[in-house]
Full PDB file with SEQRES, HELIX, SHEET, SSBOND, CRYST1, ORIGX, SCALE, CONECT and MASTER records, all heavy atoms in Angstrom:
SEQRES   1 A   40  ASN PHE GLY PHE ALA SER THR LEU LEU ASN THR LEU LYS          
SEQRES   2 A   40  LYS TYR GLY ASN THR CYS PRO VAL MET PHE SER SER SER          
SEQRES   3 A   40  ILE GLN ALA THR LEU ILE GLY ARG TYR GLY GLN SER ASP          
SEQRES   4 A   40  TYR                                                          
HELIX    1 AA1 GLY A    3  LYS A   14  1                                  12    
HELIX    2 AA2 ILE A   27  THR A   30  5                                   4    
HELIX    3 AA3 GLY A   33  TYR A   35  5                                   3    
CRYST1    1.000    1.000    1.000  90.00  90.00  90.00 P 1           1          
ORIGX1      1.000000  0.000000  0.000000        0.00000                         
ORIGX2      0.000000  1.000000  0.000000        0.00000                         
ORIGX3      0.000000  0.000000  1.000000        0.00000                         
SCALE1      1.000000  0.000000  0.000000        0.00000                         
SCALE2      0.000000  1.000000  0.000000        0.00000                         
SCALE3      0.000000  0.000000  1.000000        0.00000                         
ATOM      1  N   ASN A   1     131.395  76.772  94.826  1.00  0.00           N  
ATOM      2  CA  ASN A   1     131.826  75.941  93.714  1.00  0.00           C  
ATOM      3  C   ASN A   1     133.316  75.579  93.759  1.00  0.00           C  
ATOM      4  O   ASN A   1     133.738  74.642  93.126  1.00  0.00           O  
ATOM      5  CB  ASN A   1     131.510  76.620  92.403  1.00  0.00           C  
ATOM      6  CG  ASN A   1     130.017  76.793  92.191  1.00  0.00           C  
ATOM      7  OD1 ASN A   1     129.230  75.975  92.646  1.00  0.00           O  
ATOM      8  ND2 ASN A   1     129.599  77.880  91.544  1.00  0.00           N  
ATOM      9  N   PHE A   2     134.095  76.343  94.487  1.00  0.00           N  
ATOM     10  CA  PHE A   2     135.519  76.076  94.605  1.00  0.00           C  
ATOM     11  C   PHE A   2     135.896  75.677  96.014  1.00  0.00           C  
ATOM     12  O   PHE A   2     136.633  74.721  96.234  1.00  0.00           O  
ATOM     13  CB  PHE A   2     136.323  77.292  94.156  1.00  0.00           C  
ATOM     14  CG  PHE A   2     137.820  77.116  94.201  1.00  0.00           C  
ATOM     15  CD1 PHE A   2     138.480  76.475  93.185  1.00  0.00           C  
ATOM     16  CD2 PHE A   2     138.531  77.562  95.303  1.00  0.00           C  
ATOM     17  CE1 PHE A   2     139.864  76.302  93.249  1.00  0.00           C  
ATOM     18  CE2 PHE A   2     139.906  77.381  95.370  1.00  0.00           C  
ATOM     19  CZ  PHE A   2     140.573  76.748  94.330  1.00  0.00           C  
ATOM     20  N   GLY A   3     135.349  76.428  96.991  1.00  0.00           N  
ATOM     21  CA  GLY A   3     135.713  76.186  98.376  1.00  0.00           C  
ATOM     22  C   GLY A   3     135.375  74.791  98.851  1.00  0.00           C  
ATOM     23  O   GLY A   3     136.204  74.098  99.446  1.00  0.00           O  
ATOM     24  N   PHE A   4     134.116  74.348  98.601  1.00  0.00           N  
ATOM     25  CA  PHE A   4     133.755  73.018  99.058  1.00  0.00           C  
ATOM     26  C   PHE A   4     134.532  71.936  98.327  1.00  0.00           C  
ATOM     27  O   PHE A   4     134.895  70.912  98.903  1.00  0.00           O  
ATOM     28  CB  PHE A   4     132.253  72.770  98.910  1.00  0.00           C  
ATOM     29  CG  PHE A   4     131.867  71.363  99.308  1.00  0.00           C  
ATOM     30  CD1 PHE A   4     131.746  71.038 100.657  1.00  0.00           C  
ATOM     31  CD2 PHE A   4     131.665  70.380  98.369  1.00  0.00           C  
ATOM     32  CE1 PHE A   4     131.440  69.741 101.051  1.00  0.00           C  
ATOM     33  CE2 PHE A   4     131.342  69.085  98.755  1.00  0.00           C  
ATOM     34  CZ  PHE A   4     131.236  68.764 100.109  1.00  0.00           C  
ATOM     35  N   ALA A   5     134.770  72.165  97.007  1.00  0.00           N  
ATOM     36  CA  ALA A   5     135.548  71.181  96.253  1.00  0.00           C  
ATOM     37  C   ALA A   5     136.933  70.984  96.889  1.00  0.00           C  
ATOM     38  O   ALA A   5     137.422  69.841  96.987  1.00  0.00           O  
ATOM     39  CB  ALA A   5     135.712  71.633  94.793  1.00  0.00           C  
ATOM     40  N   SER A   6     137.531  72.086  97.332  1.00  0.00           N  
ATOM     41  CA  SER A   6     138.840  71.978  98.027  1.00  0.00           C  
ATOM     42  C   SER A   6     138.716  71.150  99.295  1.00  0.00           C  
ATOM     43  O   SER A   6     139.551  70.279  99.570  1.00  0.00           O  
ATOM     44  CB  SER A   6     139.351  73.372  98.362  1.00  0.00           C  
ATOM     45  OG  SER A   6     139.555  74.148  97.210  1.00  0.00           O  
ATOM     46  N   THR A   7     137.653  71.427 100.057  1.00  0.00           N  
ATOM     47  CA  THR A   7     137.435  70.677 101.304  1.00  0.00           C  
ATOM     48  C   THR A   7     137.254  69.182 101.026  1.00  0.00           C  
ATOM     49  O   THR A   7     137.829  68.344 101.728  1.00  0.00           O  
ATOM     50  CB  THR A   7     136.196  71.218 102.038  1.00  0.00           C  
ATOM     51  OG1 THR A   7     136.392  72.603 102.331  1.00  0.00           O  
ATOM     52  CG2 THR A   7     135.925  70.459 103.318  1.00  0.00           C  
ATOM     53  N   LEU A   8     136.471  68.878 100.003  1.00  0.00           N  
ATOM     54  CA  LEU A   8     136.215  67.469  99.656  1.00  0.00           C  
ATOM     55  C   LEU A   8     137.512  66.760  99.284  1.00  0.00           C  
ATOM     56  O   LEU A   8     137.807  65.666  99.808  1.00  0.00           O  
ATOM     57  CB  LEU A   8     135.220  67.424  98.484  1.00  0.00           C  
ATOM     58  CG  LEU A   8     134.987  66.042  97.871  1.00  0.00           C  
ATOM     59  CD1 LEU A   8     134.282  65.109  98.881  1.00  0.00           C  
ATOM     60  CD2 LEU A   8     134.150  66.165  96.583  1.00  0.00           C  
ATOM     61  N   LEU A   9     138.285  67.358  98.399  1.00  0.00           N  
ATOM     62  CA  LEU A   9     139.526  66.708  97.937  1.00  0.00           C  
ATOM     63  C   LEU A   9     140.552  66.597  99.070  1.00  0.00           C  
ATOM     64  O   LEU A   9     141.272  65.589  99.161  1.00  0.00           O  
ATOM     65  CB  LEU A   9     140.094  67.470  96.755  1.00  0.00           C  
ATOM     66  CG  LEU A   9     139.211  67.526  95.513  1.00  0.00           C  
ATOM     67  CD1 LEU A   9     139.882  68.313  94.386  1.00  0.00           C  
ATOM     68  CD2 LEU A   9     138.830  66.135  95.015  1.00  0.00           C  
ATOM     69  N   ASN A  10     140.622  67.610  99.892  1.00  0.00           N  
ATOM     70  CA  ASN A  10     141.562  67.549 101.032  1.00  0.00           C  
ATOM     71  C   ASN A  10     141.185  66.458 102.005  1.00  0.00           C  
ATOM     72  O   ASN A  10     142.027  65.793 102.611  1.00  0.00           O  
ATOM     73  CB  ASN A  10     141.626  68.902 101.742  1.00  0.00           C  
ATOM     74  CG  ASN A  10     142.417  69.936 100.969  1.00  0.00           C  
ATOM     75  OD1 ASN A  10     143.304  69.589 100.169  1.00  0.00           O  
ATOM     76  ND2 ASN A  10     142.086  71.195 101.160  1.00  0.00           N  
ATOM     77  N   THR A  11     139.877  66.229 102.152  1.00  0.00           N  
ATOM     78  CA  THR A  11     139.425  65.183 103.075  1.00  0.00           C  
ATOM     79  C   THR A  11     139.751  63.804 102.497  1.00  0.00           C  
ATOM     80  O   THR A  11     140.141  62.900 103.234  1.00  0.00           O  
ATOM     81  CB  THR A  11     137.905  65.320 103.343  1.00  0.00           C  
ATOM     82  OG1 THR A  11     137.611  66.654 103.764  1.00  0.00           O  
ATOM     83  CG2 THR A  11     137.456  64.351 104.416  1.00  0.00           C  
ATOM     84  N   LEU A  12     139.579  63.651 101.188  1.00  0.00           N  
ATOM     85  CA  LEU A  12     139.980  62.389 100.560  1.00  0.00           C  
ATOM     86  C   LEU A  12     141.468  62.141 100.733  1.00  0.00           C  
ATOM     87  O   LEU A  12     141.917  61.023 101.040  1.00  0.00           O  
ATOM     88  CB  LEU A  12     139.613  62.409  99.076  1.00  0.00           C  
ATOM     89  CG  LEU A  12     138.122  62.306  98.732  1.00  0.00           C  
ATOM     90  CD1 LEU A  12     137.870  62.634  97.273  1.00  0.00           C  
ATOM     91  CD2 LEU A  12     137.568  60.917  99.060  1.00  0.00           C  
ATOM     92  N   LYS A  13     142.265  63.198 100.538  1.00  0.00           N  
ATOM     93  CA  LYS A  13     143.730  63.075 100.696  1.00  0.00           C  
ATOM     94  C   LYS A  13     144.073  62.706 102.153  1.00  0.00           C  
ATOM     95  O   LYS A  13     144.994  61.934 102.412  1.00  0.00           O  
ATOM     96  CB  LYS A  13     144.426  64.359 100.291  1.00  0.00           C  
ATOM     97  CG  LYS A  13     144.540  64.547  98.794  1.00  0.00           C  
ATOM     98  CD  LYS A  13     145.487  65.668  98.404  1.00  0.00           C  
ATOM     99  CE  LYS A  13     144.869  67.024  98.603  1.00  0.00           C  
ATOM    100  NZ  LYS A  13     145.734  68.096  98.051  1.00  0.00           N  
ATOM    101  N   LYS A  14     143.350  63.277 103.090  1.00  0.00           N  
ATOM    102  CA  LYS A  14     143.583  63.014 104.505  1.00  0.00           C  
ATOM    103  C   LYS A  14     143.525  61.535 104.831  1.00  0.00           C  
ATOM    104  O   LYS A  14     144.286  61.032 105.672  1.00  0.00           O  
ATOM    105  CB  LYS A  14     142.531  63.780 105.314  1.00  0.00           C  
ATOM    106  CG  LYS A  14     142.549  63.555 106.805  1.00  0.00           C  
ATOM    107  CD  LYS A  14     141.428  64.395 107.459  1.00  0.00           C  
ATOM    108  CE  LYS A  14     141.339  64.113 108.955  1.00  0.00           C  
ATOM    109  NZ  LYS A  14     140.236  64.913 109.580  1.00  0.00           N  
ATOM    110  N   TYR A  15     142.639  60.822 104.123  1.00  0.00           N  
ATOM    111  CA  TYR A  15     142.474  59.396 104.379  1.00  0.00           C  
ATOM    112  C   TYR A  15     143.137  58.521 103.324  1.00  0.00           C  
ATOM    113  O   TYR A  15     142.950  57.302 103.297  1.00  0.00           O  
ATOM    114  CB  TYR A  15     140.971  59.050 104.500  1.00  0.00           C  
ATOM    115  CG  TYR A  15     140.361  59.663 105.730  1.00  0.00           C  
ATOM    116  CD1 TYR A  15     139.628  60.853 105.645  1.00  0.00           C  
ATOM    117  CD2 TYR A  15     140.559  59.099 107.000  1.00  0.00           C  
ATOM    118  CE1 TYR A  15     139.079  61.445 106.768  1.00  0.00           C  
ATOM    119  CE2 TYR A  15     139.999  59.682 108.128  1.00  0.00           C  
ATOM    120  CZ  TYR A  15     139.269  60.853 108.018  1.00  0.00           C  
ATOM    121  OH  TYR A  15     138.737  61.444 109.130  1.00  0.00           O  
ATOM    122  N   GLY A  16     143.915  59.157 102.466  1.00  0.00           N  
ATOM    123  CA  GLY A  16     144.626  58.409 101.437  1.00  0.00           C  
ATOM    124  C   GLY A  16     143.706  57.677 100.477  1.00  0.00           C  
ATOM    125  O   GLY A  16     144.060  56.638  99.909  1.00  0.00           O  
ATOM    126  N   ASN A  17     142.519  58.216 100.280  1.00  0.00           N  
ATOM    127  CA  ASN A  17     141.523  57.582  99.410  1.00  0.00           C  
ATOM    128  C   ASN A  17     141.633  58.144  98.002  1.00  0.00           C  
ATOM    129  O   ASN A  17     141.341  59.302  97.752  1.00  0.00           O  
ATOM    130  CB  ASN A  17     140.124  57.814  99.965  1.00  0.00           C  
ATOM    131  CG  ASN A  17     139.058  57.014  99.237  1.00  0.00           C  
ATOM    132  OD1 ASN A  17     139.291  56.493  98.165  1.00  0.00           O  
ATOM    133  ND2 ASN A  17     137.887  56.894  99.851  1.00  0.00           N  
ATOM    134  N   THR A  18     142.079  57.314  97.078  1.00  0.00           N  
ATOM    135  CA  THR A  18     142.272  57.747  95.682  1.00  0.00           C  
ATOM    136  C   THR A  18     141.199  57.150  94.765  1.00  0.00           C  
ATOM    137  O   THR A  18     141.457  56.838  93.612  1.00  0.00           O  
ATOM    138  CB  THR A  18     143.672  57.369  95.177  1.00  0.00           C  
ATOM    139  OG1 THR A  18     143.844  55.947  95.308  1.00  0.00           O  
ATOM    140  CG2 THR A  18     144.749  58.117  95.933  1.00  0.00           C  
ATOM    141  N   CYS A  19     139.991  56.985  95.309  1.00  0.00           N  
ATOM    142  CA  CYS A  19     138.889  56.489  94.474  1.00  0.00           C  
ATOM    143  C   CYS A  19     138.560  57.475  93.386  1.00  0.00           C  
ATOM    144  O   CYS A  19     138.897  58.666  93.488  1.00  0.00           O  
ATOM    145  CB  CYS A  19     137.668  56.202  95.348  1.00  0.00           C  
ATOM    146  SG  CYS A  19     136.828  57.692  95.957  1.00  0.00           S  
ATOM    147  N   PRO A  20     137.846  57.071  92.308  1.00  0.00           N  
ATOM    148  CA  PRO A  20     137.454  58.009  91.258  1.00  0.00           C  
ATOM    149  C   PRO A  20     136.531  59.092  91.812  1.00  0.00           C  
ATOM    150  O   PRO A  20     135.701  58.852  92.687  1.00  0.00           O  
ATOM    151  CB  PRO A  20     136.699  57.112  90.271  1.00  0.00           C  
ATOM    152  CG  PRO A  20     137.187  55.734  90.516  1.00  0.00           C  
ATOM    153  CD  PRO A  20     137.478  55.683  92.001  1.00  0.00           C  
ATOM    154  N   VAL A  21     136.695  60.309  91.279  1.00  0.00           N  
ATOM    155  CA  VAL A  21     135.903  61.446  91.732  1.00  0.00           C  
ATOM    156  C   VAL A  21     135.334  62.166  90.499  1.00  0.00           C  
ATOM    157  O   VAL A  21     136.080  62.502  89.574  1.00  0.00           O  
ATOM    158  CB  VAL A  21     136.737  62.433  92.560  1.00  0.00           C  
ATOM    159  CG1 VAL A  21     135.833  63.535  93.120  1.00  0.00           C  
ATOM    160  CG2 VAL A  21     137.477  61.760  93.666  1.00  0.00           C  
ATOM    161  N   MET A  22     134.035  62.374  90.508  1.00  0.00           N  
ATOM    162  CA  MET A  22     133.368  63.068  89.409  1.00  0.00           C  
ATOM    163  C   MET A  22     133.090  64.514  89.849  1.00  0.00           C  
ATOM    164  O   MET A  22     132.646  64.757  90.988  1.00  0.00           O  
ATOM    165  CB  MET A  22     132.064  62.336  89.042  1.00  0.00           C  
ATOM    166  CG  MET A  22     131.200  63.047  88.018  1.00  0.00           C  
ATOM    167  SD  MET A  22     130.007  64.173  88.863  1.00  0.00           S  
ATOM    168  CE  MET A  22     129.195  64.874  87.435  1.00  0.00           C  
ATOM    169  N   PHE A  23     133.301  65.464  88.949  1.00  0.00           N  
ATOM    170  CA  PHE A  23     133.024  66.885  89.243  1.00  0.00           C  
ATOM    171  C   PHE A  23     132.006  67.400  88.248  1.00  0.00           C  
ATOM    172  O   PHE A  23     132.153  67.294  87.037  1.00  0.00           O  
ATOM    173  CB  PHE A  23     134.305  67.706  89.145  1.00  0.00           C  
ATOM    174  CG  PHE A  23     134.110  69.180  89.364  1.00  0.00           C  
ATOM    175  CD1 PHE A  23     133.660  69.644  90.591  1.00  0.00           C  
ATOM    176  CD2 PHE A  23     134.360  70.107  88.362  1.00  0.00           C  
ATOM    177  CE1 PHE A  23     133.449  71.004  90.803  1.00  0.00           C  
ATOM    178  CE2 PHE A  23     134.188  71.473  88.566  1.00  0.00           C  
ATOM    179  CZ  PHE A  23     133.722  71.908  89.803  1.00  0.00           C  
ATOM    180  N   SER A  24     130.941  67.974  88.812  1.00  0.00           N  
ATOM    181  CA  SER A  24     129.876  68.523  87.988  1.00  0.00           C  
ATOM    182  C   SER A  24     130.196  69.986  87.671  1.00  0.00           C  
ATOM    183  O   SER A  24     130.027  70.875  88.491  1.00  0.00           O  
ATOM    184  CB  SER A  24     128.532  68.445  88.769  1.00  0.00           C  
ATOM    185  OG  SER A  24     127.507  69.142  88.073  1.00  0.00           O  
ATOM    186  N   SER A  25     130.627  70.190  86.426  1.00  0.00           N  
ATOM    187  CA  SER A  25     130.912  71.550  85.963  1.00  0.00           C  
ATOM    188  C   SER A  25     129.822  71.987  84.989  1.00  0.00           C  
ATOM    189  O   SER A  25     128.769  71.370  84.903  1.00  0.00           O  
ATOM    190  CB  SER A  25     132.314  71.591  85.284  1.00  0.00           C  
ATOM    191  OG  SER A  25     132.657  72.926  84.980  1.00  0.00           O  
ATOM    192  N   SER A  26     130.092  73.050  84.266  1.00  0.00           N  
ATOM    193  CA  SER A  26     129.088  73.629  83.399  1.00  0.00           C  
ATOM    194  C   SER A  26     129.718  74.086  82.089  1.00  0.00           C  
ATOM    195  O   SER A  26     130.918  74.413  82.049  1.00  0.00           O  
ATOM    196  CB  SER A  26     128.424  74.833  84.071  1.00  0.00           C  
ATOM    197  OG  SER A  26     127.702  75.644  83.162  1.00  0.00           O  
ATOM    198  N   ILE A  27     128.919  74.087  81.022  1.00  0.00           N  
ATOM    199  CA  ILE A  27     129.407  74.616  79.748  1.00  0.00           C  
ATOM    200  C   ILE A  27     129.853  76.054  79.903  1.00  0.00           C  
ATOM    201  O   ILE A  27     130.657  76.561  79.105  1.00  0.00           O  
ATOM    202  CB  ILE A  27     128.303  74.470  78.670  1.00  0.00           C  
ATOM    203  CG1 ILE A  27     128.850  74.711  77.267  1.00  0.00           C  
ATOM    204  CG2 ILE A  27     127.122  75.379  78.967  1.00  0.00           C  
ATOM    205  CD1 ILE A  27     129.869  73.685  76.828  1.00  0.00           C  
ATOM    206  N   GLN A  28     129.341  76.738  80.918  1.00  0.00           N  
ATOM    207  CA  GLN A  28     129.749  78.125  81.150  1.00  0.00           C  
ATOM    208  C   GLN A  28     131.229  78.221  81.494  1.00  0.00           C  
ATOM    209  O   GLN A  28     131.833  79.311  81.349  1.00  0.00           O  
ATOM    210  CB  GLN A  28     128.902  78.765  82.251  1.00  0.00           C  
ATOM    211  CG  GLN A  28     127.435  78.932  81.888  1.00  0.00           C  
ATOM    212  CD  GLN A  28     126.686  79.760  82.869  1.00  0.00           C  
ATOM    213  OE1 GLN A  28     127.207  80.774  83.368  1.00  0.00           O  
ATOM    214  NE2 GLN A  28     125.425  79.401  83.137  1.00  0.00           N  
ATOM    215  N   ALA A  29     131.851  77.120  81.916  1.00  0.00           N  
ATOM    216  CA  ALA A  29     133.262  77.136  82.245  1.00  0.00           C  
ATOM    217  C   ALA A  29     134.151  77.356  81.007  1.00  0.00           C  
ATOM    218  O   ALA A  29     135.351  77.614  81.143  1.00  0.00           O  
ATOM    219  CB  ALA A  29     133.658  75.836  82.958  1.00  0.00           C  
ATOM    220  N   THR A  30     133.559  77.241  79.826  1.00  0.00           N  
ATOM    221  CA  THR A  30     134.359  77.549  78.617  1.00  0.00           C  
ATOM    222  C   THR A  30     134.687  79.043  78.527  1.00  0.00           C  
ATOM    223  O   THR A  30     135.648  79.445  77.844  1.00  0.00           O  
ATOM    224  CB  THR A  30     133.564  77.159  77.336  1.00  0.00           C  
ATOM    225  OG1 THR A  30     132.296  77.872  77.326  1.00  0.00           O  
ATOM    226  CG2 THR A  30     133.294  75.657  77.290  1.00  0.00           C  
ATOM    227  N   LEU A  31     133.851  79.861  79.180  1.00  0.00           N  
ATOM    228  CA  LEU A  31     134.015  81.341  79.159  1.00  0.00           C  
ATOM    229  C   LEU A  31     134.043  81.869  77.735  1.00  0.00           C  
ATOM    230  O   LEU A  31     134.758  82.815  77.399  1.00  0.00           O  
ATOM    231  CB  LEU A  31     135.302  81.756  79.905  1.00  0.00           C  
ATOM    232  CG  LEU A  31     135.396  81.335  81.360  1.00  0.00           C  
ATOM    233  CD1 LEU A  31     136.692  81.845  81.983  1.00  0.00           C  
ATOM    234  CD2 LEU A  31     134.208  81.825  82.179  1.00  0.00           C  
ATOM    235  N   ILE A  32     133.192  81.249  76.900  1.00  0.00           N  
ATOM    236  CA  ILE A  32     133.109  81.644  75.491  1.00  0.00           C  
ATOM    237  C   ILE A  32     131.767  82.324  75.226  1.00  0.00           C  
ATOM    238  O   ILE A  32     130.744  81.932  75.786  1.00  0.00           O  
ATOM    239  CB  ILE A  32     133.266  80.403  74.567  1.00  0.00           C  
ATOM    240  CG1 ILE A  32     134.697  79.870  74.673  1.00  0.00           C  
ATOM    241  CG2 ILE A  32     132.937  80.749  73.119  1.00  0.00           C  
ATOM    242  CD1 ILE A  32     134.903  78.558  73.913  1.00  0.00           C  
ATOM    243  N   GLY A  33     131.782  83.331  74.340  1.00  0.00           N  
ATOM    244  CA  GLY A  33     130.545  83.997  73.931  1.00  0.00           C  
ATOM    245  C   GLY A  33     129.838  84.636  75.122  1.00  0.00           C  
ATOM    246  O   GLY A  33     130.417  85.384  75.875  1.00  0.00           O  
ATOM    247  N   ARG A  34     128.550  84.312  75.264  1.00  0.00           N  
ATOM    248  CA  ARG A  34     127.747  84.935  76.303  1.00  0.00           C  
ATOM    249  C   ARG A  34     128.209  84.512  77.706  1.00  0.00           C  
ATOM    250  O   ARG A  34     127.759  85.092  78.716  1.00  0.00           O  
ATOM    251  CB  ARG A  34     126.268  84.604  76.136  1.00  0.00           C  
ATOM    252  CG  ARG A  34     125.891  83.122  76.283  1.00  0.00           C  
ATOM    253  CD  ARG A  34     124.406  82.948  76.039  1.00  0.00           C  
ATOM    254  NE  ARG A  34     123.931  81.592  76.234  1.00  0.00           N  
ATOM    255  CZ  ARG A  34     123.952  80.644  75.307  1.00  0.00           C  
ATOM    256  NH1 ARG A  34     124.470  80.915  74.106  1.00  0.00           N  
ATOM    257  NH2 ARG A  34     123.488  79.443  75.551  1.00  0.00           N  
ATOM    258  N   TYR A  35     129.079  83.497  77.783  1.00  0.00           N  
ATOM    259  CA  TYR A  35     129.584  83.072  79.075  1.00  0.00           C  
ATOM    260  C   TYR A  35     130.929  83.715  79.430  1.00  0.00           C  
ATOM    261  O   TYR A  35     131.508  83.419  80.460  1.00  0.00           O  
ATOM    262  CB  TYR A  35     129.775  81.540  79.082  1.00  0.00           C  
ATOM    263  CG  TYR A  35     128.540  80.759  78.736  1.00  0.00           C  
ATOM    264  CD1 TYR A  35     128.565  79.750  77.770  1.00  0.00           C  
ATOM    265  CD2 TYR A  35     127.302  81.030  79.329  1.00  0.00           C  
ATOM    266  CE1 TYR A  35     127.448  79.027  77.446  1.00  0.00           C  
ATOM    267  CE2 TYR A  35     126.179  80.333  78.995  1.00  0.00           C  
ATOM    268  CZ  TYR A  35     126.231  79.304  78.041  1.00  0.00           C  
ATOM    269  OH  TYR A  35     125.147  78.594  77.729  1.00  0.00           O  
ATOM    270  N   GLY A  36     131.403  84.633  78.593  1.00  0.00           N  
ATOM    271  CA  GLY A  36     132.744  85.209  78.752  1.00  0.00           C  
ATOM    272  C   GLY A  36     132.967  85.868  80.092  1.00  0.00           C  
ATOM    273  O   GLY A  36     134.061  85.823  80.631  1.00  0.00           O  
ATOM    274  N   GLN A  37     131.945  86.524  80.633  1.00  0.00           N  
ATOM    275  CA  GLN A  37     132.095  87.230  81.909  1.00  0.00           C  
ATOM    276  C   GLN A  37     131.313  86.538  83.045  1.00  0.00           C  
ATOM    277  O   GLN A  37     130.989  87.177  84.051  1.00  0.00           O  
ATOM    278  CB  GLN A  37     131.614  88.680  81.741  1.00  0.00           C  
ATOM    279  CG  GLN A  37     132.374  89.466  80.689  1.00  0.00           C  
ATOM    280  CD  GLN A  37     133.857  89.536  81.009  1.00  0.00           C  
ATOM    281  OE1 GLN A  37     134.262  89.746  82.158  1.00  0.00           O  
ATOM    282  NE2 GLN A  37     134.686  89.283  79.980  1.00  0.00           N  
ATOM    283  N   SER A  38     131.016  85.263  82.872  1.00  0.00           N  
ATOM    284  CA  SER A  38     130.209  84.549  83.855  1.00  0.00           C  
ATOM    285  C   SER A  38     131.011  84.241  85.117  1.00  0.00           C  
ATOM    286  O   SER A  38     131.992  83.484  85.064  1.00  0.00           O  
ATOM    287  CB  SER A  38     129.671  83.245  83.245  1.00  0.00           C  
ATOM    288  OG  SER A  38     129.145  82.409  84.235  1.00  0.00           O  
ATOM    289  N   ASP A  39     130.611  84.839  86.238  1.00  0.00           N  
ATOM    290  CA  ASP A  39     131.263  84.502  87.501  1.00  0.00           C  
ATOM    291  C   ASP A  39     131.049  83.043  87.868  1.00  0.00           C  
ATOM    292  O   ASP A  39     131.927  82.401  88.454  1.00  0.00           O  
ATOM    293  CB  ASP A  39     130.742  85.417  88.610  1.00  0.00           C  
ATOM    294  CG  ASP A  39     131.238  86.843  88.463  1.00  0.00           C  
ATOM    295  OD1 ASP A  39     132.369  87.048  88.014  1.00  0.00           O  
ATOM    296  OD2 ASP A  39     130.450  87.765  88.783  1.00  0.00           O  
ATOM    297  N   TYR A  40     129.875  82.547  87.534  1.00  0.00           N  
ATOM    298  CA  TYR A  40     129.586  81.129  87.768  1.00  0.00           C  
ATOM    299  C   TYR A  40     130.528  80.276  86.948  1.00  0.00           C  
ATOM    300  O   TYR A  40     131.141  79.313  87.458  1.00  0.00           O  
ATOM    301  CB  TYR A  40     128.124  80.835  87.399  1.00  0.00           C  
ATOM    302  CG  TYR A  40     127.741  79.385  87.474  1.00  0.00           C  
ATOM    303  CD1 TYR A  40     127.650  78.752  88.692  1.00  0.00           C  
ATOM    304  CD2 TYR A  40     127.433  78.671  86.327  1.00  0.00           C  
ATOM    305  CE1 TYR A  40     127.275  77.415  88.774  1.00  0.00           C  
ATOM    306  CE2 TYR A  40     127.056  77.354  86.365  1.00  0.00           C  
ATOM    307  CZ  TYR A  40     126.989  76.717  87.604  1.00  0.00           C  
ATOM    308  OH  TYR A  40     126.621  75.396  87.666  1.00  0.00           O  
TER     309      TYR A  40                                                      
MASTER        0    0    0    3    0    0    0    6  308    1    0    4          
END                                                                             
């Protein structure tokens, strides 16, 4: 979830491509309530 995202963005930077990029995250990224200790 982090490693490939880094590879993707670095590859875009490599070619100077600043097109729009969408990232699929999750409500679990709030780390609130039952998601507080979610490694995901």
